[in-house]
Amino acid sequence: VSFMMRSRLLSAEQFEDARQILRDLDSLDSHTAFLFDKINFLMDATVGFININQNKIIKIFSVASVSLLPPTLVASSYGMNFAFMPELQWQYGYPLALALMVLSAVVPMLYFRKRGWLR
């Protein structure tokens, strides 16, 4: 359209129609740019929301793994079946090991709950 306007091939009436067409195209161009910016903003907001939810899930997995690590350590050390472990000869050695495993799991959970990491 602008090429035809520059080349002076149009009559006066056609020239005015071409000018209106160019104005309409310019307004449509700016409107589509606005819509694309709006869509990009909404996509960024959606990605941010998804990232926040994924971070919450990963935080829960991290807390669970950290809280279950000490009982695993205690259970693996008492599961080695060495002959010279004094706790093996105690009457309450097995319940003590179980209590130590439960305590080592509960203490980190209480700490994380107090810090607000389990919400």
C-alpha atoms as a PDB file:
ATOM      1  CA  VAL A   1       0.000   0.000   0.000  1.00  0.00           C
ATOM      2  CA  SER A   2       2.753   2.448   0.847  1.00  0.00           C
ATOM      3  CA  PHE A   3       4.559   1.543  -2.384  1.00  0.00           C
ATOM      4  CA  MET A   4       1.466   2.466  -4.400  1.00  0.00           C
ATOM      5  CA  MET A   5       1.126   5.730  -2.487  1.00  0.00           C
ATOM      6  CA  ARG A   6       4.759   6.650  -3.170  1.00  0.00           C
ATOM      7  CA  SER A   7       4.613   5.818  -6.838  1.00  0.00           C
ATOM      8  CA  ARG A   8       1.667   8.172  -7.404  1.00  0.00           C
ATOM      9  CA  LEU A   9      -0.319   5.547  -9.312  1.00  0.00           C
ATOM     10  CA  LEU A  10      -3.453   6.197  -7.260  1.00  0.00           C
ATOM     11  CA  SER A  11      -6.148   8.758  -7.802  1.00  0.00           C
ATOM     12  CA  ALA A  12      -6.950  11.243  -5.036  1.00  0.00           C
ATOM     13  CA  GLU A  13      -9.843   9.124  -3.743  1.00  0.00           C
ATOM     14  CA  GLN A  14      -7.750   5.928  -3.825  1.00  0.00           C
ATOM     15  CA  PHE A  15      -4.888   7.788  -2.156  1.00  0.00           C
ATOM     16  CA  GLU A  16      -7.167   8.757   0.771  1.00  0.00           C
ATOM     17  CA  ASP A  17      -8.440   5.168   1.050  1.00  0.00           C
ATOM     18  CA  ALA A  18      -4.848   3.882   1.069  1.00  0.00           C
ATOM     19  CA  ARG A  19      -3.948   6.352   3.833  1.00  0.00           C
ATOM     20  CA  GLN A  20      -6.859   5.087   5.969  1.00  0.00           C
ATOM     21  CA  ILE A  21      -5.802   1.509   5.315  1.00  0.00           C
ATOM     22  CA  LEU A  22      -2.274   2.337   6.482  1.00  0.00           C
ATOM     23  CA  ARG A  23      -3.630   3.951   9.670  1.00  0.00           C
ATOM     24  CA  ASP A  24      -5.758   0.870  10.339  1.00  0.00           C
ATOM     25  CA  LEU A  25      -2.774  -1.385   9.793  1.00  0.00           C
ATOM     26  CA  ASP A  26      -0.665   0.694  12.189  1.00  0.00           C
ATOM     27  CA  SER A  27      -3.334   0.515  14.884  1.00  0.00           C
ATOM     28  CA  LEU A  28      -3.666  -3.243  14.368  1.00  0.00           C
ATOM     29  CA  ASP A  29       0.100  -3.616  14.588  1.00  0.00           C
ATOM     30  CA  SER A  30       0.266  -1.784  17.911  1.00  0.00           C
ATOM     31  CA  HIS A  31      -2.731  -3.743  19.212  1.00  0.00           C
ATOM     32  CA  THR A  32      -1.155  -7.084  18.322  1.00  0.00           C
ATOM     33  CA  ALA A  33       2.083  -5.976  20.006  1.00  0.00           C
ATOM     34  CA  PHE A  34       0.051  -5.155  23.130  1.00  0.00           C
ATOM     35  CA  LEU A  35      -1.647  -8.561  23.018  1.00  0.00           C
ATOM     36  CA  PHE A  36       1.668 -10.366  22.598  1.00  0.00           C
ATOM     37  CA  ASP A  37       3.103  -8.472  25.579  1.00  0.00           C
ATOM     38  CA  LYS A  38       0.067  -9.415  27.638  1.00  0.00           C
ATOM     39  CA  ILE A  39       0.352 -13.077  26.645  1.00  0.00           C
ATOM     40  CA  ASN A  40       4.064 -13.089  27.509  1.00  0.00           C
ATOM     41  CA  PHE A  41       3.309 -11.568  30.904  1.00  0.00           C
ATOM     42  CA  LEU A  42       0.659 -14.210  31.612  1.00  0.00           C
ATOM     43  CA  MET A  43       2.996 -16.986  30.512  1.00  0.00           C
ATOM     44  CA  ASP A  44       5.752 -15.658  32.792  1.00  0.00           C
ATOM     45  CA  ALA A  45       3.304 -15.473  35.691  1.00  0.00           C
ATOM     46  CA  THR A  46       2.180 -19.047  35.059  1.00  0.00           C
ATOM     47  CA  VAL A  47       5.755 -20.324  34.903  1.00  0.00           C
ATOM     48  CA  GLY A  48       6.517 -18.488  38.147  1.00  0.00           C
ATOM     49  CA  PHE A  49       3.493 -20.035  39.836  1.00  0.00           C
ATOM     50  CA  ILE A  50       4.524 -23.507  38.674  1.00  0.00           C
ATOM     51  CA  ASN A  51       8.073 -22.921  39.948  1.00  0.00           C
ATOM     52  CA  ILE A  52       6.777 -21.875  43.359  1.00  0.00           C
ATOM     53  CA  ASN A  53       4.674 -25.039  43.636  1.00  0.00           C
ATOM     54  CA  GLN A  54       7.572 -27.228  42.515  1.00  0.00           C
ATOM     55  CA  ASN A  55       9.850 -25.567  45.074  1.00  0.00           C
ATOM     56  CA  LYS A  56       7.356 -26.400  47.828  1.00  0.00           C
ATOM     57  CA  ILE A  57       7.316 -30.049  46.783  1.00  0.00           C
ATOM     58  CA  ILE A  58      11.103 -30.248  46.584  1.00  0.00           C
ATOM     59  CA  LYS A  59      11.355 -28.612  50.018  1.00  0.00           C
ATOM     60  CA  ILE A  60       9.140 -31.328  51.511  1.00  0.00           C
ATOM     61  CA  PHE A  61      11.264 -34.058  49.892  1.00  0.00           C
ATOM     62  CA  SER A  62      14.435 -32.417  51.222  1.00  0.00           C
ATOM     63  CA  VAL A  63      13.050 -32.192  54.752  1.00  0.00           C
ATOM     64  CA  ALA A  64      11.927 -35.819  54.614  1.00  0.00           C
ATOM     65  CA  SER A  65      15.319 -37.021  53.412  1.00  0.00           C
ATOM     66  CA  VAL A  66      17.191 -35.004  56.047  1.00  0.00           C
ATOM     67  CA  SER A  67      14.906 -36.208  58.836  1.00  0.00           C
ATOM     68  CA  LEU A  68      15.216 -39.868  57.793  1.00  0.00           C
ATOM     69  CA  LEU A  69      18.988 -39.804  57.416  1.00  0.00           C
ATOM     70  CA  PRO A  70      19.892 -40.090  61.158  1.00  0.00           C
ATOM     71  CA  PRO A  71      17.666 -43.152  61.801  1.00  0.00           C
ATOM     72  CA  THR A  72      19.206 -44.800  58.742  1.00  0.00           C
ATOM     73  CA  LEU A  73      22.670 -44.109  60.137  1.00  0.00           C
ATOM     74  CA  VAL A  74      21.761 -45.563  63.538  1.00  0.00           C
ATOM     75  CA  ALA A  75      20.112 -48.615  61.991  1.00  0.00           C
ATOM     76  CA  SER A  76      23.062 -49.258  59.699  1.00  0.00           C
ATOM     77  CA  SER A  77      25.593 -49.011  62.525  1.00  0.00           C
ATOM     78  CA  TYR A  78      23.626 -51.420  64.741  1.00  0.00           C
ATOM     79  CA  GLY A  79      22.991 -53.736  61.800  1.00  0.00           C
ATOM     80  CA  MET A  80      26.693 -54.481  61.267  1.00  0.00           C
ATOM     81  CA  ASN A  81      26.638 -57.433  63.703  1.00  0.00           C
ATOM     82  CA  PHE A  82      30.009 -56.797  65.302  1.00  0.00           C
ATOM     83  CA  ALA A  83      30.776 -59.056  68.240  1.00  0.00           C
ATOM     84  CA  PHE A  84      32.312 -56.290  70.352  1.00  0.00           C
ATOM     85  CA  MET A  85      29.393 -53.855  70.516  1.00  0.00           C
ATOM     86  CA  PRO A  86      28.557 -53.438  74.223  1.00  0.00           C
ATOM     87  CA  GLU A  87      24.917 -52.647  73.475  1.00  0.00           C
ATOM     88  CA  LEU A  88      24.373 -56.150  72.113  1.00  0.00           C
ATOM     89  CA  GLN A  89      24.872 -57.628  75.596  1.00  0.00           C
ATOM     90  CA  TRP A  90      22.507 -55.196  77.338  1.00  0.00           C
ATOM     91  CA  GLN A  91      19.006 -56.291  78.145  1.00  0.00           C
ATOM     92  CA  TYR A  92      17.594 -53.013  76.816  1.00  0.00           C
ATOM     93  CA  GLY A  93      20.063 -52.543  73.960  1.00  0.00           C
ATOM     94  CA  TYR A  94      17.549 -53.225  71.179  1.00  0.00           C
ATOM     95  CA  PRO A  95      14.845 -50.933  72.613  1.00  0.00           C
ATOM     96  CA  LEU A  96      17.534 -48.291  73.162  1.00  0.00           C
ATOM     97  CA  ALA A  97      18.552 -48.506  69.502  1.00  0.00           C
ATOM     98  CA  LEU A  98      14.908 -48.242  68.409  1.00  0.00           C
ATOM     99  CA  ALA A  99      14.349 -45.252  70.718  1.00  0.00           C
ATOM    100  CA  LEU A 100      17.498 -43.618  69.356  1.00  0.00           C
ATOM    101  CA  MET A 101      16.226 -44.081  65.786  1.00  0.00           C
ATOM    102  CA  VAL A 102      12.805 -42.625  66.622  1.00  0.00           C
ATOM    103  CA  LEU A 103      14.352 -39.731  68.531  1.00  0.00           C
ATOM    104  CA  SER A 104      16.760 -38.968  65.708  1.00  0.00           C
ATOM    105  CA  ALA A 105      13.798 -38.797  63.302  1.00  0.00           C
ATOM    106  CA  VAL A 106      11.477 -36.779  65.554  1.00  0.00           C
ATOM    107  CA  VAL A 107      13.997 -34.095  66.577  1.00  0.00           C
ATOM    108  CA  PRO A 108      14.666 -32.838  63.009  1.00  0.00           C
ATOM    109  CA  MET A 109      10.932 -32.927  62.239  1.00  0.00           C
ATOM    110  CA  LEU A 110      10.187 -30.805  65.301  1.00  0.00           C
ATOM    111  CA  TYR A 111      12.992 -28.426  64.363  1.00  0.00           C
ATOM    112  CA  PHE A 112      11.695 -28.050  60.811  1.00  0.00           C
ATOM    113  CA  ARG A 113       8.142 -27.567  62.036  1.00  0.00           C
ATOM    114  CA  LYS A 114       9.305 -24.892  64.495  1.00  0.00           C
ATOM    115  CA  ARG A 115      11.140 -23.088  61.679  1.00  0.00           C
ATOM    116  CA  GLY A 116       7.996 -23.237  59.524  1.00  0.00           C
ATOM    117  CA  TRP A 117       9.501 -25.336  56.746  1.00  0.00           C
ATOM    118  CA  LEU A 118       6.705 -27.917  56.750  1.00  0.00           C
ATOM    119  CA  ARG A 119       3.886 -25.589  55.702  1.00  0.00           C
END
